[in-house]
Amino acid sequence: MKLVRLLAVLFIGLCYSQSALAYLDPGTGSLILQMLIAGILGALYTIKLYWYRLKIFIAQILGAETKSENKQDNDNLSDKD
């Protein structure tokens, strides 16, 4: 409930703010672009680090079998022969 109230106050504050007539020079645009590229590359690197865990997590959500479950099933079949 506190979060909803905080978001409402922030929204109202942003809606009724006066214009600042601020100037954005080319360096500011370059900085914003640089932060955007760094954020994307950071997200890709994080996904790369945790790819295996992410793949297993998504497979569990979708109900697919993982390699370890598949291997155990194959081992059980070979033991019965």
N, C-alpha and C. Protein backbone atom coordinates (compact mmCIF):
# COMPACT_ATOMS: atom_id res chain seq x y z
N MET A 1 0.82 -1.19 0.00
CA MET A 1 0.00 0.00 0.00
C MET A 1 0.87 1.26 0.00
N LYS A 2 1.99 1.19 0.73
CA LYS A 2 2.89 2.35 0.76
C LYS A 2 3.52 2.58 -0.60
N LEU A 3 3.80 1.49 -1.31
CA LEU A 3 4.39 1.61 -2.64
C LEU A 3 3.43 2.29 -3.60
N VAL A 4 2.16 1.93 -3.53
CA VAL A 4 1.16 2.55 -4.40
C VAL A 4 1.05 4.04 -4.10
N ARG A 5 1.06 4.38 -2.84
CA ARG A 5 0.98 5.80 -2.45
C ARG A 5 2.21 6.56 -2.95
N LEU A 6 3.38 5.96 -2.81
CA LEU A 6 4.62 6.59 -3.27
C LEU A 6 4.59 6.80 -4.78
N LEU A 7 4.16 5.78 -5.51
CA LEU A 7 4.08 5.91 -6.97
C LEU A 7 3.08 6.97 -7.38
N ALA A 8 1.96 7.06 -6.67
CA ALA A 8 0.96 8.08 -6.99
C ALA A 8 1.52 9.49 -6.76
N VAL A 9 2.24 9.68 -5.67
CA VAL A 9 2.83 10.99 -5.37
C VAL A 9 3.88 11.35 -6.43
N LEU A 10 4.71 10.38 -6.81
CA LEU A 10 5.72 10.64 -7.83
C LEU A 10 5.08 10.97 -9.18
N PHE A 11 4.03 10.24 -9.53
CA PHE A 11 3.33 10.49 -10.79
C PHE A 11 2.72 11.88 -10.82
N ILE A 12 2.07 12.26 -9.75
CA ILE A 12 1.46 13.59 -9.68
C ILE A 12 2.54 14.67 -9.72
N GLY A 13 3.64 14.44 -9.03
CA GLY A 13 4.73 15.41 -9.05
C GLY A 13 5.33 15.58 -10.43
N LEU A 14 5.43 14.49 -11.19
CA LEU A 14 5.97 14.59 -12.54
C LEU A 14 4.98 15.24 -13.50
N CYS A 15 3.71 15.03 -13.28
CA CYS A 15 2.69 15.62 -14.16
C CYS A 15 2.60 17.14 -14.00
N TYR A 16 2.79 17.63 -12.80
CA TYR A 16 2.62 19.05 -12.54
C TYR A 16 3.93 19.82 -12.44
N SER A 17 5.03 19.24 -12.88
CA SER A 17 6.30 19.96 -12.81
C SER A 17 6.38 21.00 -13.92
N GLN A 18 7.10 22.08 -13.65
CA GLN A 18 7.26 23.15 -14.62
C GLN A 18 8.42 22.81 -15.54
N SER A 19 8.37 23.34 -16.75
CA SER A 19 9.46 23.09 -17.68
C SER A 19 10.71 23.84 -17.22
N ALA A 20 11.86 23.24 -17.43
CA ALA A 20 13.11 23.82 -16.95
C ALA A 20 13.83 24.61 -18.02
N LEU A 21 13.43 24.47 -19.28
CA LEU A 21 14.10 25.12 -20.40
C LEU A 21 15.60 24.80 -20.38
N ALA A 22 15.91 23.55 -20.14
CA ALA A 22 17.29 23.10 -20.05
C ALA A 22 17.82 22.77 -21.44
N TYR A 23 19.11 22.91 -21.59
CA TYR A 23 19.78 22.64 -22.86
C TYR A 23 20.53 21.32 -22.73
N LEU A 24 20.30 20.42 -23.67
CA LEU A 24 21.05 19.16 -23.70
C LEU A 24 22.08 19.26 -24.82
N ASP A 25 23.35 19.34 -24.45
CA ASP A 25 24.40 19.44 -25.45
C ASP A 25 24.73 18.06 -26.02
N PRO A 26 25.53 17.98 -27.08
CA PRO A 26 25.86 16.69 -27.69
C PRO A 26 26.56 15.73 -26.72
N GLY A 27 27.28 16.26 -25.77
CA GLY A 27 27.95 15.40 -24.79
C GLY A 27 26.96 14.63 -23.95
N THR A 28 25.82 15.23 -23.66
CA THR A 28 24.78 14.56 -22.88
C THR A 28 24.19 13.40 -23.67
N GLY A 29 23.93 13.62 -24.95
CA GLY A 29 23.43 12.55 -25.81
C GLY A 29 24.42 11.41 -25.91
N SER A 30 25.70 11.76 -26.00
CA SER A 30 26.75 10.75 -26.06
C SER A 30 26.80 9.94 -24.76
N LEU A 31 26.63 10.62 -23.63
CA LEU A 31 26.64 9.94 -22.34
C LEU A 31 25.45 8.99 -22.22
N ILE A 32 24.28 9.43 -22.66
CA ILE A 32 23.09 8.58 -22.60
C ILE A 32 23.28 7.35 -23.49
N LEU A 33 23.81 7.54 -24.69
CA LEU A 33 24.07 6.42 -25.60
C LEU A 33 25.10 5.46 -25.00
N GLN A 34 26.12 6.00 -24.38
CA GLN A 34 27.15 5.19 -23.75
C GLN A 34 26.58 4.35 -22.61
N MET A 35 25.71 4.95 -21.80
CA MET A 35 25.08 4.20 -20.70
C MET A 35 24.16 3.12 -21.24
N LEU A 36 23.44 3.40 -22.32
CA LEU A 36 22.56 2.41 -22.93
C LEU A 36 23.35 1.22 -23.45
N ILE A 37 24.44 1.48 -24.16
CA ILE A 37 25.28 0.41 -24.68
C ILE A 37 25.89 -0.40 -23.54
N ALA A 38 26.38 0.28 -22.50
CA ALA A 38 26.97 -0.42 -21.35
C ALA A 38 25.93 -1.28 -20.65
N GLY A 39 24.71 -0.79 -20.53
CA GLY A 39 23.65 -1.58 -19.90
C GLY A 39 23.32 -2.83 -20.69
N ILE A 40 23.24 -2.70 -22.01
CA ILE A 40 22.94 -3.85 -22.86
C ILE A 40 24.07 -4.87 -22.78
N LEU A 41 25.31 -4.41 -22.88
CA LEU A 41 26.45 -5.33 -22.81
C LEU A 41 26.55 -5.98 -21.43
N GLY A 42 26.27 -5.24 -20.39
CA GLY A 42 26.28 -5.81 -19.04
C GLY A 42 25.22 -6.89 -18.88
N ALA A 43 24.03 -6.64 -19.43
CA ALA A 43 22.96 -7.64 -19.37
C ALA A 43 23.34 -8.89 -20.16
N LEU A 44 23.94 -8.71 -21.33
CA LEU A 44 24.36 -9.87 -22.13
C LEU A 44 25.44 -10.67 -21.42
N TYR A 45 26.38 -10.00 -20.77
CA TYR A 45 27.43 -10.70 -20.04
C TYR A 45 26.86 -11.47 -18.85
N THR A 46 25.90 -10.87 -18.17
CA THR A 46 25.26 -11.55 -17.04
C THR A 46 24.51 -12.78 -17.52
N ILE A 47 23.81 -12.67 -18.64
CA ILE A 47 23.12 -13.83 -19.20
C ILE A 47 24.13 -14.91 -19.57
N LYS A 48 25.27 -14.50 -20.13
CA LYS A 48 26.32 -15.46 -20.49
C LYS A 48 26.83 -16.20 -19.26
N LEU A 49 27.01 -15.49 -18.16
CA LEU A 49 27.52 -16.12 -16.94
C LEU A 49 26.55 -17.14 -16.37
N TYR A 50 25.27 -16.83 -16.42
CA TYR A 50 24.26 -17.69 -15.80
C TYR A 50 23.43 -18.45 -16.83
N TRP A 51 23.97 -18.67 -18.03
CA TRP A 51 23.19 -19.28 -19.11
C TRP A 51 22.70 -20.67 -18.74
N TYR A 52 23.55 -21.51 -18.17
CA TYR A 52 23.15 -22.88 -17.86
C TYR A 52 22.03 -22.90 -16.83
N ARG A 53 22.17 -22.11 -15.78
CA ARG A 53 21.11 -22.03 -14.76
C ARG A 53 19.82 -21.49 -15.35
N LEU A 54 19.93 -20.49 -16.21
CA LEU A 54 18.75 -19.90 -16.83
C LEU A 54 18.06 -20.92 -17.74
N LYS A 55 18.85 -21.70 -18.46
CA LYS A 55 18.29 -22.71 -19.35
C LYS A 55 17.54 -23.78 -18.57
N ILE A 56 18.09 -24.22 -17.46
CA ILE A 56 17.42 -25.22 -16.63
C ILE A 56 16.15 -24.63 -16.03
N PHE A 57 16.22 -23.40 -15.56
CA PHE A 57 15.05 -22.75 -14.97
C PHE A 57 13.91 -22.64 -15.98
N ILE A 58 14.22 -22.21 -17.19
CA ILE A 58 13.19 -22.09 -18.22
C ILE A 58 12.64 -23.46 -18.60
N ALA A 59 13.51 -24.47 -18.67
CA ALA A 59 13.06 -25.82 -19.00
C ALA A 59 12.11 -26.34 -17.92
N GLN A 60 12.39 -26.04 -16.67
CA GLN A 60 11.51 -26.49 -15.59
C GLN A 60 10.16 -25.78 -15.66
N ILE A 61 10.17 -24.52 -16.02
CA ILE A 61 8.91 -23.78 -16.15
C ILE A 61 8.07 -24.35 -17.28
N LEU A 62 8.71 -24.66 -18.39
CA LEU A 62 7.99 -25.17 -19.55
C LEU A 62 7.70 -26.66 -19.46
N GLY A 63 8.26 -27.34 -18.47
CA GLY A 63 7.98 -28.75 -18.25
C GLY A 63 8.85 -29.68 -19.08
N ALA A 64 9.90 -29.18 -19.68
CA ALA A 64 10.80 -30.02 -20.46
C ALA A 64 11.76 -30.75 -19.54
N GLU A 65 12.26 -31.89 -20.01
CA GLU A 65 13.22 -32.65 -19.21
C GLU A 65 14.60 -32.03 -19.37
N THR A 66 15.40 -32.08 -18.31
CA THR A 66 16.77 -31.62 -18.39
C THR A 66 17.67 -32.78 -18.76
N LYS A 67 18.93 -32.51 -19.06
CA LYS A 67 19.86 -33.57 -19.46
C LYS A 67 20.07 -34.58 -18.35
N SER A 68 20.14 -34.11 -17.10
CA SER A 68 20.38 -35.03 -15.99
C SER A 68 19.20 -35.98 -15.82
N GLU A 69 17.97 -35.51 -16.01
CA GLU A 69 16.81 -36.39 -15.92
C GLU A 69 16.82 -37.38 -17.06
N ASN A 70 17.20 -36.93 -18.25
CA ASN A 70 17.28 -37.81 -19.41
C ASN A 70 18.32 -38.89 -19.19
N LYS A 71 19.46 -38.53 -18.62
CA LYS A 71 20.54 -39.49 -18.39
C LYS A 71 20.10 -40.53 -17.37
N GLN A 72 19.41 -40.13 -16.32
CA GLN A 72 18.93 -41.07 -15.32
C GLN A 72 17.94 -42.05 -15.92
N ASP A 73 17.07 -41.59 -16.80
CA ASP A 73 16.11 -42.47 -17.45
C ASP A 73 16.83 -43.50 -18.31
N ASN A 74 17.86 -43.06 -19.04
CA ASN A 74 18.62 -43.98 -19.88
C ASN A 74 19.39 -44.99 -19.03
N ASP A 75 19.93 -44.56 -17.89
CA ASP A 75 20.64 -45.47 -17.00
C ASP A 75 19.69 -46.52 -16.44
N ASN A 76 18.49 -46.12 -16.08
CA ASN A 76 17.51 -47.06 -15.55
C ASN A 76 17.12 -48.09 -16.61
N LEU A 77 17.01 -47.68 -17.86
CA LEU A 77 16.66 -48.61 -18.93
C LEU A 77 17.79 -49.61 -19.17
N SER A 78 19.04 -49.16 -19.10
CA SER A 78 20.17 -50.06 -19.34
C SER A 78 20.36 -51.03 -18.18
N ASP A 79 19.98 -50.64 -16.96
CA ASP A 79 20.09 -51.54 -15.81
C ASP A 79 19.10 -52.69 -15.91
N LYS A 80 17.97 -52.49 -16.54
CA LYS A 80 16.94 -53.52 -16.64
C LYS A 80 17.30 -54.60 -17.64
N ASP A 81 18.23 -54.31 -18.57
CA ASP A 81 18.61 -55.30 -19.58
C ASP A 81 19.50 -56.31 -19.00
